[in-house]
Amino acid sequence: MDTSTLSSILFEAHKPAKLEKIPEDPMSIIFTFKWLEYLSERVGYSNIANTLEFYYNLGWLSDKAVLGLLKYLKGIKPGAEIDEPSGNLTIADHLVSLLFIERLNGKKISSEVLDRIEWEIRRIRKGVEQYYGV
């Protein structure tokens, strides 16, 4: 990936493309189940629908995409979680969801881009800590 593409992902005002529907190819189905598994681990099975509604309200998901995700969710048996996760996601969790959405939209996310995002997040955190003394 060239630096201009990387730059547009990291620095320019670039609204993510809304996921209009869940693709039906095998790799997309695998990513869909992995994303639902990720959300289940973070917010608990019973809170996934609320999280998807939040992403819908942000404009990241269409009605059709939410319905598709809920269809897949029905096929997943909730784990026997003794301590159900709180239902709260961190900023990093939302960024991971955004990466799943981008991937389901057909965009390849290289390890170089992921490393660059992680580096930028660390750099910003360090700057905030120094500036605010946090």
C-alpha atoms as a PDB file:
ATOM      1  CA  MET A   1       0.000   0.000   0.000  1.00  0.00           C
ATOM      2  CA  ASP A   2       1.421   3.372  -0.930  1.00  0.00           C
ATOM      3  CA  THR A   3       1.809   6.209   1.555  1.00  0.00           C
ATOM      4  CA  SER A   4      -0.931   8.347  -0.009  1.00  0.00           C
ATOM      5  CA  THR A   5      -3.504   5.614   0.651  1.00  0.00           C
ATOM      6  CA  LEU A   6      -2.184   5.175   4.165  1.00  0.00           C
ATOM      7  CA  SER A   7      -2.294   8.907   4.678  1.00  0.00           C
ATOM      8  CA  SER A   8      -5.910   9.087   3.525  1.00  0.00           C
ATOM      9  CA  ILE A   9      -6.878   6.342   5.967  1.00  0.00           C
ATOM     10  CA  LEU A  10      -5.125   7.970   8.913  1.00  0.00           C
ATOM     11  CA  PHE A  11      -5.247  11.703   8.451  1.00  0.00           C
ATOM     12  CA  GLU A  12      -7.830  12.957   6.001  1.00  0.00           C
ATOM     13  CA  ALA A  13     -11.476  13.463   6.780  1.00  0.00           C
ATOM     14  CA  HIS A  14     -12.560  10.170   5.317  1.00  0.00           C
ATOM     15  CA  LYS A  15     -15.962   8.850   6.240  1.00  0.00           C
ATOM     16  CA  PRO A  16     -15.997   5.071   6.262  1.00  0.00           C
ATOM     17  CA  ALA A  17     -18.120   3.498   3.580  1.00  0.00           C
ATOM     18  CA  LYS A  18     -21.382   2.194   4.986  1.00  0.00           C
ATOM     19  CA  LEU A  19     -21.635  -1.581   4.908  1.00  0.00           C
ATOM     20  CA  GLU A  20     -24.722  -2.041   2.744  1.00  0.00           C
ATOM     21  CA  LYS A  21     -25.034  -5.823   3.057  1.00  0.00           C
ATOM     22  CA  ILE A  22     -23.129  -8.830   4.299  1.00  0.00           C
ATOM     23  CA  PRO A  23     -21.321 -10.418   1.351  1.00  0.00           C
ATOM     24  CA  GLU A  24     -22.067 -14.102   0.870  1.00  0.00           C
ATOM     25  CA  ASP A  25     -18.641 -15.349  -0.190  1.00  0.00           C
ATOM     26  CA  PRO A  26     -16.919 -17.803   2.185  1.00  0.00           C
ATOM     27  CA  MET A  27     -14.230 -15.374   3.401  1.00  0.00           C
ATOM     28  CA  SER A  28     -16.816 -12.692   4.228  1.00  0.00           C
ATOM     29  CA  ILE A  29     -18.910 -15.206   6.129  1.00  0.00           C
ATOM     30  CA  ILE A  30     -15.841 -16.201   8.134  1.00  0.00           C
ATOM     31  CA  PHE A  31     -15.100 -12.522   8.898  1.00  0.00           C
ATOM     32  CA  THR A  32     -18.748 -12.013   9.878  1.00  0.00           C
ATOM     33  CA  PHE A  33     -18.645 -14.861  12.391  1.00  0.00           C
ATOM     34  CA  LYS A  34     -15.260 -13.703  13.723  1.00  0.00           C
ATOM     35  CA  TRP A  35     -16.627 -10.175  14.192  1.00  0.00           C
ATOM     36  CA  LEU A  36     -19.714 -11.469  16.008  1.00  0.00           C
ATOM     37  CA  GLU A  37     -17.465 -13.647  18.173  1.00  0.00           C
ATOM     38  CA  TYR A  38     -15.284 -10.602  18.929  1.00  0.00           C
ATOM     39  CA  LEU A  39     -18.329  -8.527  19.905  1.00  0.00           C
ATOM     40  CA  SER A  40     -19.683 -11.371  22.036  1.00  0.00           C
ATOM     41  CA  GLU A  41     -16.397 -11.526  23.949  1.00  0.00           C
ATOM     42  CA  ARG A  42     -16.471  -7.767  24.519  1.00  0.00           C
ATOM     43  CA  VAL A  43     -20.125  -6.960  25.215  1.00  0.00           C
ATOM     44  CA  GLY A  44     -21.751 -10.355  25.726  1.00  0.00           C
ATOM     45  CA  TYR A  45     -24.139 -12.126  23.390  1.00  0.00           C
ATOM     46  CA  SER A  46     -27.212 -10.293  24.677  1.00  0.00           C
ATOM     47  CA  ASN A  47     -25.703  -6.857  23.961  1.00  0.00           C
ATOM     48  CA  ILE A  48     -24.568  -7.436  20.367  1.00  0.00           C
ATOM     49  CA  ALA A  49     -27.844  -6.146  18.905  1.00  0.00           C
ATOM     50  CA  ASN A  50     -27.432  -2.871  20.844  1.00  0.00           C
ATOM     51  CA  THR A  51     -23.886  -2.518  19.523  1.00  0.00           C
ATOM     52  CA  LEU A  52     -25.067  -3.088  15.950  1.00  0.00           C
ATOM     53  CA  GLU A  53     -27.771  -0.451  16.481  1.00  0.00           C
ATOM     54  CA  PHE A  54     -25.073   1.970  17.647  1.00  0.00           C
ATOM     55  CA  TYR A  55     -23.069   1.327  14.457  1.00  0.00           C
ATOM     56  CA  TYR A  56     -26.250   1.779  12.423  1.00  0.00           C
ATOM     57  CA  ASN A  57     -26.836   5.159  14.102  1.00  0.00           C
ATOM     58  CA  LEU A  58     -23.240   6.152  13.316  1.00  0.00           C
ATOM     59  CA  GLY A  59     -23.908   5.360   9.661  1.00  0.00           C
ATOM     60  CA  TRP A  60     -21.458   2.462   9.537  1.00  0.00           C
ATOM     61  CA  LEU A  61     -24.157  -0.161   8.814  1.00  0.00           C
ATOM     62  CA  SER A  62     -27.283  -0.137   6.656  1.00  0.00           C
ATOM     63  CA  ASP A  63     -30.619  -1.709   7.637  1.00  0.00           C
ATOM     64  CA  LYS A  64     -29.848  -4.628   5.353  1.00  0.00           C
ATOM     65  CA  ALA A  65     -26.409  -5.176   6.916  1.00  0.00           C
ATOM     66  CA  VAL A  66     -27.840  -5.117  10.459  1.00  0.00           C
ATOM     67  CA  LEU A  67     -30.533  -7.614   9.484  1.00  0.00           C
ATOM     68  CA  GLY A  68     -27.885  -9.849   7.887  1.00  0.00           C
ATOM     69  CA  LEU A  69     -25.731  -9.727  11.011  1.00  0.00           C
ATOM     70  CA  LEU A  70     -28.724 -10.521  13.213  1.00  0.00           C
ATOM     71  CA  LYS A  71     -29.520 -13.486  10.944  1.00  0.00           C
ATOM     72  CA  TYR A  72     -26.009 -14.856  11.524  1.00  0.00           C
ATOM     73  CA  LEU A  73     -26.272 -14.054  15.228  1.00  0.00           C
ATOM     74  CA  LYS A  74     -29.367 -16.290  15.526  1.00  0.00           C
ATOM     75  CA  GLY A  75     -27.208 -19.222  14.455  1.00  0.00           C
ATOM     76  CA  ILE A  76     -24.725 -18.682  17.272  1.00  0.00           C
ATOM     77  CA  LYS A  77     -25.340 -20.325  20.608  1.00  0.00           C
ATOM     78  CA  PRO A  78     -24.539 -17.945  23.439  1.00  0.00           C
ATOM     79  CA  GLY A  79     -21.608 -19.135  25.505  1.00  0.00           C
ATOM     80  CA  ALA A  80     -22.089 -20.183  29.086  1.00  0.00           C
ATOM     81  CA  GLU A  81     -20.601 -16.963  30.376  1.00  0.00           C
ATOM     82  CA  ILE A  82     -20.606 -16.769  34.138  1.00  0.00           C
ATOM     83  CA  ASP A  83     -19.611 -13.112  34.147  1.00  0.00           C
ATOM     84  CA  GLU A  84     -21.298 -11.516  31.143  1.00  0.00           C
ATOM     85  CA  PRO A  85     -19.152  -8.656  29.831  1.00  0.00           C
ATOM     86  CA  SER A  86     -20.354  -5.196  30.827  1.00  0.00           C
ATOM     87  CA  GLY A  87     -21.588  -4.187  27.409  1.00  0.00           C
ATOM     88  CA  ASN A  88     -19.159  -1.291  27.213  1.00  0.00           C
ATOM     89  CA  LEU A  89     -16.681  -1.042  24.370  1.00  0.00           C
ATOM     90  CA  THR A  90     -13.413   0.850  24.403  1.00  0.00           C
ATOM     91  CA  ILE A  91     -12.303   3.102  21.578  1.00  0.00           C
ATOM     92  CA  ALA A  92      -9.946   0.342  20.461  1.00  0.00           C
ATOM     93  CA  ASP A  93     -12.888  -2.081  20.309  1.00  0.00           C
ATOM     94  CA  HIS A  94     -14.811   0.318  18.052  1.00  0.00           C
ATOM     95  CA  LEU A  95     -11.749   0.682  15.831  1.00  0.00           C
ATOM     96  CA  VAL A  96     -11.540  -3.096  15.509  1.00  0.00           C
ATOM     97  CA  SER A  97     -15.217  -3.150  14.504  1.00  0.00           C
ATOM     98  CA  LEU A  98     -14.514  -0.462  11.922  1.00  0.00           C
ATOM     99  CA  LEU A  99     -11.712  -2.613  10.511  1.00  0.00           C
ATOM    100  CA  PHE A 100     -14.118  -5.576  10.270  1.00  0.00           C
ATOM    101  CA  ILE A 101     -16.613  -3.337   8.455  1.00  0.00           C
ATOM    102  CA  GLU A 102     -13.944  -2.087   6.059  1.00  0.00           C
ATOM    103  CA  ARG A 103     -12.886  -5.681   5.372  1.00  0.00           C
ATOM    104  CA  LEU A 104     -16.483  -6.756   4.743  1.00  0.00           C
ATOM    105  CA  ASN A 105     -16.706  -3.824   2.314  1.00  0.00           C
ATOM    106  CA  GLY A 106     -13.942  -5.531   0.338  1.00  0.00           C
ATOM    107  CA  LYS A 107     -11.015  -3.409   1.490  1.00  0.00           C
ATOM    108  CA  LYS A 108      -7.846  -5.283   2.307  1.00  0.00           C
ATOM    109  CA  ILE A 109      -6.189  -4.095   5.505  1.00  0.00           C
ATOM    110  CA  SER A 110      -2.484  -4.876   5.372  1.00  0.00           C
ATOM    111  CA  SER A 111      -0.333  -5.475   8.425  1.00  0.00           C
ATOM    112  CA  GLU A 112       1.573  -2.327   7.430  1.00  0.00           C
ATOM    113  CA  VAL A 113      -1.590  -0.241   7.794  1.00  0.00           C
ATOM    114  CA  LEU A 114      -2.426  -1.877  11.130  1.00  0.00           C
ATOM    115  CA  ASP A 115       1.106  -1.216  12.409  1.00  0.00           C
ATOM    116  CA  ARG A 116       0.863   2.409  11.271  1.00  0.00           C
ATOM    117  CA  ILE A 117      -2.506   2.855  13.008  1.00  0.00           C
ATOM    118  CA  GLU A 118      -1.123   1.357  16.215  1.00  0.00           C
ATOM    119  CA  TRP A 119       1.935   3.620  15.996  1.00  0.00           C
ATOM    120  CA  GLU A 120      -0.249   6.707  15.472  1.00  0.00           C
ATOM    121  CA  ILE A 121      -2.474   5.799  18.421  1.00  0.00           C
ATOM    122  CA  ARG A 122       0.573   5.360  20.677  1.00  0.00           C
ATOM    123  CA  ARG A 123       2.010   8.676  19.460  1.00  0.00           C
ATOM    124  CA  ILE A 124      -1.249  10.526  20.137  1.00  0.00           C
ATOM    125  CA  ARG A 125      -1.626   8.904  23.573  1.00  0.00           C
ATOM    126  CA  LYS A 126       1.919   9.889  24.500  1.00  0.00           C
ATOM    127  CA  GLY A 127       1.318  13.460  23.361  1.00  0.00           C
ATOM    128  CA  VAL A 128      -1.902  13.698  25.353  1.00  0.00           C
ATOM    129  CA  GLU A 129      -0.217  12.282  28.433  1.00  0.00           C
ATOM    130  CA  GLN A 130       2.628  14.799  28.173  1.00  0.00           C
ATOM    131  CA  TYR A 131       0.326  17.743  27.426  1.00  0.00           C
ATOM    132  CA  TYR A 132      -2.290  17.038  30.080  1.00  0.00           C
ATOM    133  CA  GLY A 133      -0.012  15.269  32.561  1.00  0.00           C
ATOM    134  CA  VAL A 134      -2.254  12.234  32.511  1.00  0.00           C
END
